[in-house]
Amino acid sequence: MTEKAGRSCPIRYQYGAAKIAEVPATSCDVLYVVGGLYGNAFALEAIENLAAHEPGKVRICFNGDFNWFNKSSEDFEHINQRVLNHDCILGNVEAELGEPLDVADCGCAYPENVDQGVVDRSNFIHTELKRCAQQQPELLGALLQKPFFARYSVGALKVAVVHGDGDSLAGWRFDPAHLHRADEAPWRAALFEKAQVNVFASSHTCSAAFHHEPLPNGQTGLISNNGAAGMASEPGSLNGLFTRISATRLNNTALVFQSTQLNGVWVEQVRVQFDQAAWQQHFLSQWPEGTAAHTSYFKRISEGV
């Protein structure tokens, strides 16, 4: 395994924010942006149940990495068939599933502060998932046709749904550490103008952020990084998170982790509460102690962030 495997960002991932503005905006009353499901069918069930009780026209967009722990043929088929019933874009996990099995690279573009052991284990997990995916070529083909980003219109808001950041599928500059950097503020502000949006909804970095960005036109842009819908993302709990955008607030306010209103439209990060015992049991049946995924993720799954 080369040192760069898992740290590099393929050239094809680097689309640039101006490309987002070229995509027609899909209109809806309620938008769920679900990043980082990671193959968790119990979280998926909870999200679909919430959406079923929403008024008006609802769209769920899975913005990548909806696969990860679902390495069995049954789990892979189950997750992807359900996701493909909704809108979805590719994360690096999905985008790399068609690559040769002897190319062990998850496409995560991990920064240097991430331990090499984490990177190596991610590459191994991805190879296991890739082996499963390539045994289902029709389903894999349907996945690989999906785009890198999407654009929506919810009330007066235009929303860019991305996986990484505004310029790259595997970009890390919507990670909380980067969003606190004042020197990157001009780059962030320019993204909103280039993409012609008010909101960016992302995930990829697996760390939640809810960032207001002052814009040169006097308005405010918002970056909502939901962390992960299928793994603990709310501090002090085992709840996942997703981003909800609508003119009306979620009727169950106890599920709202944080929120803001822009141009009369609510943007909320919503808790994903699912059967933790069942999920942990299922995870352990696929990834018992000593496996790569258990070493990297079970503490977070069982204890939170």
C-alpha atoms as a PDB file:
ATOM      1  CA  MET A   1       0.000   0.000   0.000  1.00  0.00           C
ATOM      2  CA  THR A   2       1.492   3.346  -0.966  1.00  0.00           C
ATOM      3  CA  GLU A   3       1.775   6.156   1.557  1.00  0.00           C
ATOM      4  CA  LYS A   4      -0.549   8.345  -0.535  1.00  0.00           C
ATOM      5  CA  ALA A   5      -3.370   5.803  -0.662  1.00  0.00           C
ATOM      6  CA  GLY A   6      -6.290   7.319   1.235  1.00  0.00           C
ATOM      7  CA  ARG A   7      -4.636  10.760   1.346  1.00  0.00           C
ATOM      8  CA  SER A   8      -4.756  11.783  -2.305  1.00  0.00           C
ATOM      9  CA  CYS A   9      -7.639  13.576  -4.006  1.00  0.00           C
ATOM     10  CA  PRO A  10      -8.302  12.422  -7.577  1.00  0.00           C
ATOM     11  CA  ILE A  11      -8.320  15.220 -10.169  1.00  0.00           C
ATOM     12  CA  ARG A  12     -11.844  14.230 -11.220  1.00  0.00           C
ATOM     13  CA  TYR A  13     -13.101  15.162  -7.729  1.00  0.00           C
ATOM     14  CA  GLN A  14     -12.145  18.818  -8.193  1.00  0.00           C
ATOM     15  CA  TYR A  15     -15.195  20.327  -9.889  1.00  0.00           C
ATOM     16  CA  GLY A  16     -15.048  23.966  -8.674  1.00  0.00           C
ATOM     17  CA  ALA A  17     -18.021  25.832  -7.193  1.00  0.00           C
ATOM     18  CA  ALA A  18     -18.955  27.587 -10.458  1.00  0.00           C
ATOM     19  CA  LYS A  19     -20.028  24.217 -11.874  1.00  0.00           C
ATOM     20  CA  ILE A  20     -22.724  23.988  -9.203  1.00  0.00           C
ATOM     21  CA  ALA A  21     -24.419  27.132 -10.565  1.00  0.00           C
ATOM     22  CA  GLU A  22     -24.854  25.399 -13.930  1.00  0.00           C
ATOM     23  CA  VAL A  23     -27.159  22.755 -12.401  1.00  0.00           C
ATOM     24  CA  PRO A  24     -30.890  23.607 -12.424  1.00  0.00           C
ATOM     25  CA  ALA A  25     -32.327  23.852  -8.909  1.00  0.00           C
ATOM     26  CA  THR A  26     -34.869  21.181  -7.966  1.00  0.00           C
ATOM     27  CA  SER A  27     -37.774  22.723  -6.053  1.00  0.00           C
ATOM     28  CA  CYS A  28     -39.307  21.187  -2.920  1.00  0.00           C
ATOM     29  CA  ASP A  29     -41.076  22.180   0.294  1.00  0.00           C
ATOM     30  CA  VAL A  30     -38.875  20.124   2.599  1.00  0.00           C
ATOM     31  CA  LEU A  31     -35.332  18.968   1.916  1.00  0.00           C
ATOM     32  CA  TYR A  32     -33.491  16.354   3.963  1.00  0.00           C
ATOM     33  CA  VAL A  33     -29.734  16.198   3.321  1.00  0.00           C
ATOM     34  CA  VAL A  34     -28.389  12.946   4.715  1.00  0.00           C
ATOM     35  CA  GLY A  35     -24.625  12.543   4.700  1.00  0.00           C
ATOM     36  CA  GLY A  36     -22.634   9.681   6.163  1.00  0.00           C
ATOM     37  CA  LEU A  37     -25.288   6.995   6.579  1.00  0.00           C
ATOM     38  CA  TYR A  38     -22.388   4.478   6.534  1.00  0.00           C
ATOM     39  CA  GLY A  39     -24.612   1.493   5.783  1.00  0.00           C
ATOM     40  CA  ASN A  40     -26.766   1.912   8.909  1.00  0.00           C
ATOM     41  CA  ALA A  41     -30.228   0.593   7.949  1.00  0.00           C
ATOM     42  CA  PHE A  42     -31.659   1.472  11.371  1.00  0.00           C
ATOM     43  CA  ALA A  43     -30.781   5.151  10.898  1.00  0.00           C
ATOM     44  CA  LEU A  44     -32.189   5.006   7.368  1.00  0.00           C
ATOM     45  CA  GLU A  45     -35.481   3.669   8.722  1.00  0.00           C
ATOM     46  CA  ALA A  46     -35.703   6.496  11.274  1.00  0.00           C
ATOM     47  CA  ILE A  47     -35.052   9.158   8.620  1.00  0.00           C
ATOM     48  CA  GLU A  48     -37.594   7.751   6.170  1.00  0.00           C
ATOM     49  CA  ASN A  49     -40.186   7.557   8.973  1.00  0.00           C
ATOM     50  CA  LEU A  50     -39.641  11.232   9.791  1.00  0.00           C
ATOM     51  CA  ALA A  51     -39.964  12.204   6.135  1.00  0.00           C
ATOM     52  CA  ALA A  52     -43.216  10.258   5.803  1.00  0.00           C
ATOM     53  CA  HIS A  53     -44.844  12.590   8.339  1.00  0.00           C
ATOM     54  CA  GLU A  54     -43.735  15.825   6.667  1.00  0.00           C
ATOM     55  CA  PRO A  55     -46.296  18.034   4.886  1.00  0.00           C
ATOM     56  CA  GLY A  56     -45.836  19.116   1.271  1.00  0.00           C
ATOM     57  CA  LYS A  57     -43.299  17.962  -1.289  1.00  0.00           C
ATOM     58  CA  VAL A  58     -40.404  16.247   0.481  1.00  0.00           C
ATOM     59  CA  ARG A  59     -37.095  15.215  -1.042  1.00  0.00           C
ATOM     60  CA  ILE A  60     -34.342  13.241   0.645  1.00  0.00           C
ATOM     61  CA  CYS A  61     -30.872  13.685  -0.833  1.00  0.00           C
ATOM     62  CA  PHE A  62     -28.184  11.285   0.374  1.00  0.00           C
ATOM     63  CA  ASN A  63     -24.981  13.232  -0.114  1.00  0.00           C
ATOM     64  CA  GLY A  64     -22.486  10.415  -0.208  1.00  0.00           C
ATOM     65  CA  ASP A  65     -20.906   7.776   2.025  1.00  0.00           C
ATOM     66  CA  PHE A  66     -24.231   6.036   2.472  1.00  0.00           C
ATOM     67  CA  ASN A  67     -22.123   2.886   2.158  1.00  0.00           C
ATOM     68  CA  TRP A  68     -19.293   1.818   4.483  1.00  0.00           C
ATOM     69  CA  PHE A  69     -20.021  -0.914   7.021  1.00  0.00           C
ATOM     70  CA  ASN A  70     -22.468  -2.794   4.740  1.00  0.00           C
ATOM     71  CA  LYS A  71     -19.952  -5.228   3.270  1.00  0.00           C
ATOM     72  CA  SER A  72     -22.308  -8.229   2.928  1.00  0.00           C
ATOM     73  CA  SER A  73     -24.192  -8.686  -0.346  1.00  0.00           C
ATOM     74  CA  GLU A  74     -27.529  -8.536   1.484  1.00  0.00           C
ATOM     75  CA  ASP A  75     -26.672  -5.327   3.326  1.00  0.00           C
ATOM     76  CA  PHE A  76     -25.163  -3.673   0.255  1.00  0.00           C
ATOM     77  CA  GLU A  77     -28.240  -4.412  -1.848  1.00  0.00           C
ATOM     78  CA  HIS A  78     -30.648  -3.358   0.902  1.00  0.00           C
ATOM     79  CA  ILE A  79     -29.016   0.026   1.555  1.00  0.00           C
ATOM     80  CA  ASN A  80     -28.426   0.981  -2.055  1.00  0.00           C
ATOM     81  CA  GLN A  81     -31.825  -0.016  -3.378  1.00  0.00           C
ATOM     82  CA  ARG A  82     -33.482   2.109  -0.703  1.00  0.00           C
ATOM     83  CA  VAL A  83     -31.154   5.063  -1.254  1.00  0.00           C
ATOM     84  CA  LEU A  84     -31.706   4.926  -5.019  1.00  0.00           C
ATOM     85  CA  ASN A  85     -35.430   5.428  -4.397  1.00  0.00           C
ATOM     86  CA  HIS A  86     -34.470   8.973  -3.369  1.00  0.00           C
ATOM     87  CA  ASP A  87     -32.034  11.597  -4.662  1.00  0.00           C
ATOM     88  CA  CYS A  88     -28.353  10.932  -4.088  1.00  0.00           C
ATOM     89  CA  ILE A  89     -24.918  12.181  -5.011  1.00  0.00           C
ATOM     90  CA  LEU A  90     -21.619  10.356  -4.773  1.00  0.00           C
ATOM     91  CA  GLY A  91     -19.275  10.428  -1.838  1.00  0.00           C
ATOM     92  CA  ASN A  92     -15.703   9.260  -2.188  1.00  0.00           C
ATOM     93  CA  VAL A  93     -16.788   5.847  -0.852  1.00  0.00           C
ATOM     94  CA  GLU A  94     -19.185   5.347  -3.769  1.00  0.00           C
ATOM     95  CA  ALA A  95     -17.001   7.065  -6.370  1.00  0.00           C
ATOM     96  CA  GLU A  96     -14.156   4.613  -5.745  1.00  0.00           C
ATOM     97  CA  LEU A  97     -16.243   1.422  -5.796  1.00  0.00           C
ATOM     98  CA  GLY A  98     -15.588   0.806  -9.490  1.00  0.00           C
ATOM     99  CA  GLU A  99     -11.795   0.973  -9.163  1.00  0.00           C
ATOM    100  CA  PRO A 100      -9.674  -2.222  -9.420  1.00  0.00           C
ATOM    101  CA  LEU A 101      -9.571  -4.388  -6.306  1.00  0.00           C
ATOM    102  CA  ASP A 102      -5.785  -4.171  -6.153  1.00  0.00           C
ATOM    103  CA  VAL A 103      -6.023  -0.377  -5.824  1.00  0.00           C
ATOM    104  CA  ALA A 104      -6.525   0.007  -2.068  1.00  0.00           C
ATOM    105  CA  ASP A 105      -7.623   3.638  -1.809  1.00  0.00           C
ATOM    106  CA  CYS A 106     -10.814   4.921  -0.185  1.00  0.00           C
ATOM    107  CA  GLY A 107     -10.445   8.351  -1.848  1.00  0.00           C
ATOM    108  CA  CYS A 108     -10.928  10.110   1.500  1.00  0.00           C
ATOM    109  CA  ALA A 109      -8.039  12.567   0.982  1.00  0.00           C
ATOM    110  CA  TYR A 110      -7.270  12.421   4.704  1.00  0.00           C
ATOM    111  CA  PRO A 111      -5.191  15.382   5.921  1.00  0.00           C
ATOM    112  CA  GLU A 112      -1.786  14.849   7.519  1.00  0.00           C
ATOM    113  CA  ASN A 113      -3.120  15.207  11.084  1.00  0.00           C
ATOM    114  CA  VAL A 114      -5.043  11.932  10.685  1.00  0.00           C
ATOM    115  CA  ASP A 115      -3.070   8.940  11.965  1.00  0.00           C
ATOM    116  CA  GLN A 116      -1.752   6.584   9.291  1.00  0.00           C
ATOM    117  CA  GLY A 117      -3.392   3.651  11.044  1.00  0.00           C
ATOM    118  CA  VAL A 118      -6.801   5.226  10.484  1.00  0.00           C
ATOM    119  CA  VAL A 119      -5.968   5.706   6.809  1.00  0.00           C
ATOM    120  CA  ASP A 120      -4.757   2.123   6.362  1.00  0.00           C
ATOM    121  CA  ARG A 121      -7.850   0.709   8.059  1.00  0.00           C
ATOM    122  CA  SER A 122     -10.131   2.873   5.894  1.00  0.00           C
ATOM    123  CA  ASN A 123      -8.435   1.589   2.773  1.00  0.00           C
ATOM    124  CA  PHE A 124      -8.982  -1.984   4.000  1.00  0.00           C
ATOM    125  CA  ILE A 125     -12.665  -1.362   4.817  1.00  0.00           C
ATOM    126  CA  HIS A 126     -13.175   0.144   1.388  1.00  0.00           C
ATOM    127  CA  THR A 127     -11.545  -2.814  -0.359  1.00  0.00           C
ATOM    128  CA  GLU A 128     -13.946  -5.176   1.443  1.00  0.00           C
ATOM    129  CA  LEU A 129     -16.911  -3.027   0.397  1.00  0.00           C
ATOM    130  CA  LYS A 130     -15.601  -2.730  -3.163  1.00  0.00           C
ATOM    131  CA  ARG A 131     -15.322  -6.502  -3.455  1.00  0.00           C
ATOM    132  CA  CYS A 132     -18.992  -6.796  -2.482  1.00  0.00           C
ATOM    133  CA  ALA A 133     -20.105  -3.970  -4.806  1.00  0.00           C
ATOM    134  CA  GLN A 134     -18.371  -5.453  -7.825  1.00  0.00           C
ATOM    135  CA  GLN A 135     -20.327  -8.665  -7.369  1.00  0.00           C
ATOM    136  CA  GLN A 136     -23.473  -6.622  -8.102  1.00  0.00           C
ATOM    137  CA  PRO A 137     -22.545  -4.835 -11.358  1.00  0.00           C
ATOM    138  CA  GLU A 138     -26.045  -3.600 -12.207  1.00  0.00           C
ATOM    139  CA  LEU A 139     -26.484  -1.899  -8.841  1.00  0.00           C
ATOM    140  CA  LEU A 140     -22.927  -0.547  -8.938  1.00  0.00           C
ATOM    141  CA  GLY A 141     -23.518   0.825 -12.430  1.00  0.00           C
ATOM    142  CA  ALA A 142     -26.606   2.703 -11.236  1.00  0.00           C
ATOM    143  CA  LEU A 143     -24.602   4.223  -8.376  1.00  0.00           C
ATOM    144  CA  LEU A 144     -21.676   5.339 -10.515  1.00  0.00           C
ATOM    145  CA  GLN A 145     -24.004   7.322 -12.798  1.00  0.00           C
ATOM    146  CA  LYS A 146     -24.885   9.689  -9.952  1.00  0.00           C
ATOM    147  CA  PRO A 147     -23.454  13.241  -9.859  1.00  0.00           C
ATOM    148  CA  PHE A 148     -20.926  14.816  -7.486  1.00  0.00           C
ATOM    149  CA  PHE A 149     -23.279  17.609  -6.356  1.00  0.00           C
ATOM    150  CA  ALA A 150     -26.884  18.810  -6.570  1.00  0.00           C
ATOM    151  CA  ARG A 151     -28.768  22.086  -6.269  1.00  0.00           C
ATOM    152  CA  TYR A 152     -32.188  22.721  -4.703  1.00  0.00           C
ATOM    153  CA  SER A 153     -34.656  25.552  -4.211  1.00  0.00           C
ATOM    154  CA  VAL A 154     -36.553  25.674  -0.912  1.00  0.00           C
ATOM    155  CA  GLY A 155     -38.638  28.807  -0.565  1.00  0.00           C
ATOM    156  CA  ALA A 156     -36.292  31.763  -1.021  1.00  0.00           C
ATOM    157  CA  LEU A 157     -33.168  29.674  -0.461  1.00  0.00           C
ATOM    158  CA  LYS A 158     -30.907  28.077  -3.026  1.00  0.00           C
ATOM    159  CA  VAL A 159     -29.050  25.081  -1.596  1.00  0.00           C
ATOM    160  CA  ALA A 160     -25.918  23.340  -2.855  1.00  0.00           C
ATOM    161  CA  VAL A 161     -25.659  19.727  -1.728  1.00  0.00           C
ATOM    162  CA  VAL A 162     -22.060  18.530  -1.829  1.00  0.00           C
ATOM    163  CA  HIS A 163     -20.119  15.737  -0.202  1.00  0.00           C
ATOM    164  CA  GLY A 164     -16.844  17.420   0.732  1.00  0.00           C
ATOM    165  CA  ASP A 165     -16.597  21.180   0.256  1.00  0.00           C
ATOM    166  CA  GLY A 166     -17.634  23.724  -2.351  1.00  0.00           C
ATOM    167  CA  ASP A 167     -14.780  22.937  -4.732  1.00  0.00           C
ATOM    168  CA  SER A 168     -14.015  19.232  -4.284  1.00  0.00           C
ATOM    169  CA  LEU A 169     -15.847  15.988  -3.581  1.00  0.00           C
ATOM    170  CA  ALA A 170     -13.213  15.011  -1.006  1.00  0.00           C
ATOM    171  CA  GLY A 171     -12.411  18.542   0.183  1.00  0.00           C
ATOM    172  CA  TRP A 172     -11.895  19.072   3.918  1.00  0.00           C
ATOM    173  CA  ARG A 173     -12.434  22.839   4.158  1.00  0.00           C
ATOM    174  CA  PHE A 174     -15.974  22.427   5.534  1.00  0.00           C
ATOM    175  CA  ASP A 175     -14.484  20.616   8.524  1.00  0.00           C
ATOM    176  CA  PRO A 176     -14.977  22.542  11.816  1.00  0.00           C
ATOM    177  CA  ALA A 177     -11.224  23.157  12.140  1.00  0.00           C
ATOM    178  CA  HIS A 178     -11.130  24.888   8.748  1.00  0.00           C
ATOM    179  CA  LEU A 179     -14.371  26.801   9.277  1.00  0.00           C
ATOM    180  CA  HIS A 180     -12.739  28.573  12.241  1.00  0.00           C
ATOM    181  CA  ARG A 181      -9.875  29.823  10.058  1.00  0.00           C
ATOM    182  CA  ALA A 182     -10.239  33.517   9.246  1.00  0.00           C
ATOM    183  CA  ASP A 183      -7.676  33.271   6.433  1.00  0.00           C
ATOM    184  CA  GLU A 184     -10.071  30.985   4.513  1.00  0.00           C
ATOM    185  CA  ALA A 185     -13.044  33.353   4.862  1.00  0.00           C
ATOM    186  CA  PRO A 186     -12.520  35.012   1.435  1.00  0.00           C
ATOM    187  CA  TRP A 187     -12.490  31.569  -0.219  1.00  0.00           C
ATOM    188  CA  ARG A 188     -15.673  30.555   1.621  1.00  0.00           C
ATOM    189  CA  ALA A 189     -17.494  33.778   0.771  1.00  0.00           C
ATOM    190  CA  ALA A 190     -16.594  33.444  -2.905  1.00  0.00           C
ATOM    191  CA  LEU A 191     -18.109  29.950  -3.005  1.00  0.00           C
ATOM    192  CA  PHE A 192     -21.633  31.272  -2.428  1.00  0.00           C
ATOM    193  CA  GLU A 193     -21.356  33.730  -5.322  1.00  0.00           C
ATOM    194  CA  LYS A 194     -19.803  31.171  -7.666  1.00  0.00           C
ATOM    195  CA  ALA A 195     -22.366  28.472  -6.885  1.00  0.00           C
ATOM    196  CA  GLN A 196     -25.277  30.951  -6.714  1.00  0.00           C
ATOM    197  CA  VAL A 197     -26.574  29.528  -3.435  1.00  0.00           C
ATOM    198  CA  ASN A 198     -27.346  30.649   0.120  1.00  0.00           C
ATOM    199  CA  VAL A 199     -26.573  27.321   1.812  1.00  0.00           C
ATOM    200  CA  PHE A 200     -24.020  24.537   1.423  1.00  0.00           C
ATOM    201  CA  ALA A 201     -24.997  21.181   2.943  1.00  0.00           C
ATOM    202  CA  SER A 202     -22.115  18.726   3.290  1.00  0.00           C
ATOM    203  CA  SER A 203     -20.682  15.871   5.372  1.00  0.00           C
ATOM    204  CA  HIS A 204     -17.459  13.899   4.474  1.00  0.00           C
ATOM    205  CA  THR A 205     -15.337  15.006   7.462  1.00  0.00           C
ATOM    206  CA  CYS A 206     -17.611  13.139   9.918  1.00  0.00           C
ATOM    207  CA  SER A 207     -17.526  16.146  12.286  1.00  0.00           C
ATOM    208  CA  ALA A 208     -20.639  18.321  12.505  1.00  0.00           C
ATOM    209  CA  ALA A 209     -20.503  22.086  11.964  1.00  0.00           C
ATOM    210  CA  PHE A 210     -23.096  24.840  11.565  1.00  0.00           C
ATOM    211  CA  HIS A 211     -21.269  27.882  10.250  1.00  0.00           C
ATOM    212  CA  HIS A 212     -22.600  31.339   9.374  1.00  0.00           C
ATOM    213  CA  GLU A 213     -20.466  33.105   6.757  1.00  0.00           C
ATOM    214  CA  PRO A 214     -20.757  36.910   6.283  1.00  0.00           C
ATOM    215  CA  LEU A 215     -20.953  37.709   2.568  1.00  0.00           C
ATOM    216  CA  PRO A 216     -19.785  40.853   0.695  1.00  0.00           C
ATOM    217  CA  ASN A 217     -23.392  41.652  -0.330  1.00  0.00           C
ATOM    218  CA  GLY A 218     -24.380  42.075   3.320  1.00  0.00           C
ATOM    219  CA  GLN A 219     -26.209  38.764   3.506  1.00  0.00           C
ATOM    220  CA  THR A 220     -25.166  35.647   5.397  1.00  0.00           C
ATOM    221  CA  GLY A 221     -24.388  32.254   3.929  1.00  0.00           C
ATOM    222  CA  LEU A 222     -24.662  29.017   5.878  1.00  0.00           C
ATOM    223  CA  ILE A 223     -22.561  25.861   5.793  1.00  0.00           C
ATOM    224  CA  SER A 224     -24.255  22.889   7.445  1.00  0.00           C
ATOM    225  CA  ASN A 225     -21.963  19.890   7.797  1.00  0.00           C
ATOM    226  CA  ASN A 226     -24.118  17.195   9.415  1.00  0.00           C
ATOM    227  CA  GLY A 227     -21.139  15.040  10.411  1.00  0.00           C
ATOM    228  CA  ALA A 228     -22.806  11.659  10.000  1.00  0.00           C
ATOM    229  CA  ALA A 229     -26.403  10.484   9.975  1.00  0.00           C
ATOM    230  CA  GLY A 230     -25.522   6.858  10.721  1.00  0.00           C
ATOM    231  CA  MET A 231     -22.992   7.373  13.525  1.00  0.00           C
ATOM    232  CA  ALA A 232     -22.821   9.430  16.691  1.00  0.00           C
ATOM    233  CA  SER A 233     -22.374  13.084  15.736  1.00  0.00           C
ATOM    234  CA  GLU A 234     -24.072  14.996  18.551  1.00  0.00           C
ATOM    235  CA  PRO A 235     -21.676  15.510  21.490  1.00  0.00           C
ATOM    236  CA  GLY A 236     -22.727  13.562  24.559  1.00  0.00           C
ATOM    237  CA  SER A 237     -25.102  11.217  22.750  1.00  0.00           C
ATOM    238  CA  LEU A 238     -25.211   8.383  20.226  1.00  0.00           C
ATOM    239  CA  ASN A 239     -27.471  10.320  17.847  1.00  0.00           C
ATOM    240  CA  GLY A 240     -26.589  10.862  14.228  1.00  0.00           C
ATOM    241  CA  LEU A 241     -27.524  14.158  12.529  1.00  0.00           C
ATOM    242  CA  PHE A 242     -28.932  15.273   9.189  1.00  0.00           C
ATOM    243  CA  THR A 243     -29.751  18.677   7.696  1.00  0.00           C
ATOM    244  CA  ARG A 244     -33.400  19.665   7.201  1.00  0.00           C
ATOM    245  CA  ILE A 245     -34.440  22.763   5.200  1.00  0.00           C
ATOM    246  CA  SER A 246     -38.032  24.031   5.052  1.00  0.00           C
ATOM    247  CA  ALA A 247     -40.225  27.129   5.485  1.00  0.00           C
ATOM    248  CA  THR A 248     -41.728  25.396   8.521  1.00  0.00           C
ATOM    249  CA  ARG A 249     -39.921  23.996  11.536  1.00  0.00           C
ATOM    250  CA  LEU A 250     -39.793  20.287  12.307  1.00  0.00           C
ATOM    251  CA  ASN A 251     -42.923  19.472  14.294  1.00  0.00           C
ATOM    252  CA  ASN A 252     -40.894  17.486  16.844  1.00  0.00           C
ATOM    253  CA  THR A 253     -38.686  20.260  18.241  1.00  0.00           C
ATOM    254  CA  ALA A 254     -37.015  17.840  20.685  1.00  0.00           C
ATOM    255  CA  LEU A 255     -35.170  16.346  17.712  1.00  0.00           C
ATOM    256  CA  VAL A 256     -33.656  19.679  16.607  1.00  0.00           C
ATOM    257  CA  PHE A 257     -29.995  19.925  17.583  1.00  0.00           C
ATOM    258  CA  GLN A 258     -29.391  23.428  16.195  1.00  0.00           C
ATOM    259  CA  SER A 259     -31.145  25.726  13.762  1.00  0.00           C
ATOM    260  CA  THR A 260     -31.274  29.113  12.099  1.00  0.00           C
ATOM    261  CA  GLN A 261     -33.581  31.024   9.770  1.00  0.00           C
ATOM    262  CA  LEU A 262     -32.400  32.534   6.489  1.00  0.00           C
ATOM    263  CA  ASN A 263     -34.694  34.456   4.148  1.00  0.00           C
ATOM    264  CA  GLY A 264     -37.723  33.070   5.953  1.00  0.00           C
ATOM    265  CA  VAL A 265     -36.573  29.454   5.613  1.00  0.00           C
ATOM    266  CA  TRP A 266     -35.445  27.218   8.469  1.00  0.00           C
ATOM    267  CA  VAL A 267     -32.231  25.240   8.310  1.00  0.00           C
ATOM    268  CA  GLU A 268     -32.064  22.660  11.088  1.00  0.00           C
ATOM    269  CA  GLN A 269     -29.673  19.924  12.091  1.00  0.00           C
ATOM    270  CA  VAL A 270     -31.938  17.110  13.235  1.00  0.00           C
ATOM    271  CA  ARG A 271     -31.084  14.236  15.554  1.00  0.00           C
ATOM    272  CA  VAL A 272     -31.314  10.724  14.114  1.00  0.00           C
ATOM    273  CA  GLN A 273     -32.554   8.499  16.924  1.00  0.00           C
ATOM    274  CA  PHE A 274     -32.515   4.808  16.047  1.00  0.00           C
ATOM    275  CA  ASP A 275     -32.330   1.403  17.735  1.00  0.00           C
ATOM    276  CA  GLN A 276     -28.785   1.556  19.076  1.00  0.00           C
ATOM    277  CA  ALA A 277     -28.748  -1.969  20.528  1.00  0.00           C
ATOM    278  CA  ALA A 278     -29.890  -3.515  17.260  1.00  0.00           C
ATOM    279  CA  TRP A 279     -27.396  -1.469  15.250  1.00  0.00           C
ATOM    280  CA  GLN A 280     -24.466  -2.345  17.495  1.00  0.00           C
ATOM    281  CA  GLN A 281     -25.377  -6.035  17.396  1.00  0.00           C
ATOM    282  CA  HIS A 282     -25.575  -5.945  13.615  1.00  0.00           C
ATOM    283  CA  PHE A 283     -22.276  -4.062  13.334  1.00  0.00           C
ATOM    284  CA  LEU A 284     -20.525  -6.618  15.544  1.00  0.00           C
ATOM    285  CA  SER A 285     -21.869  -9.477  13.437  1.00  0.00           C
ATOM    286  CA  GLN A 286     -20.027  -7.996  10.433  1.00  0.00           C
ATOM    287  CA  TRP A 287     -17.068  -6.320  12.118  1.00  0.00           C
ATOM    288  CA  PRO A 288     -16.136  -8.138  15.365  1.00  0.00           C
ATOM    289  CA  GLU A 289     -13.364  -7.078  17.700  1.00  0.00           C
ATOM    290  CA  GLY A 290      -9.985  -7.042  15.980  1.00  0.00           C
ATOM    291  CA  THR A 291     -11.309  -6.028  12.554  1.00  0.00           C
ATOM    292  CA  ALA A 292     -10.424  -2.720  10.903  1.00  0.00           C
ATOM    293  CA  ALA A 293     -13.875  -1.150  11.278  1.00  0.00           C
ATOM    294  CA  HIS A 294     -14.174  -2.220  14.912  1.00  0.00           C
ATOM    295  CA  THR A 295     -10.789  -0.707  15.758  1.00  0.00           C
ATOM    296  CA  SER A 296     -11.564   2.583  14.020  1.00  0.00           C
ATOM    297  CA  TYR A 297     -15.248   3.056  14.800  1.00  0.00           C
ATOM    298  CA  PHE A 298     -16.769   0.897  17.526  1.00  0.00           C
ATOM    299  CA  LYS A 299     -15.823   3.244  20.369  1.00  0.00           C
ATOM    300  CA  ARG A 300     -17.623   6.072  18.590  1.00  0.00           C
ATOM    301  CA  ILE A 301     -20.589   3.834  17.779  1.00  0.00           C
ATOM    302  CA  SER A 302     -20.935   2.599  21.374  1.00  0.00           C
ATOM    303  CA  GLU A 303     -19.772   5.636  23.383  1.00  0.00           C
ATOM    304  CA  GLY A 304     -20.320   8.652  21.096  1.00  0.00           C
ATOM    305  CA  VAL A 305     -18.118  11.616  20.231  1.00  0.00           C
END
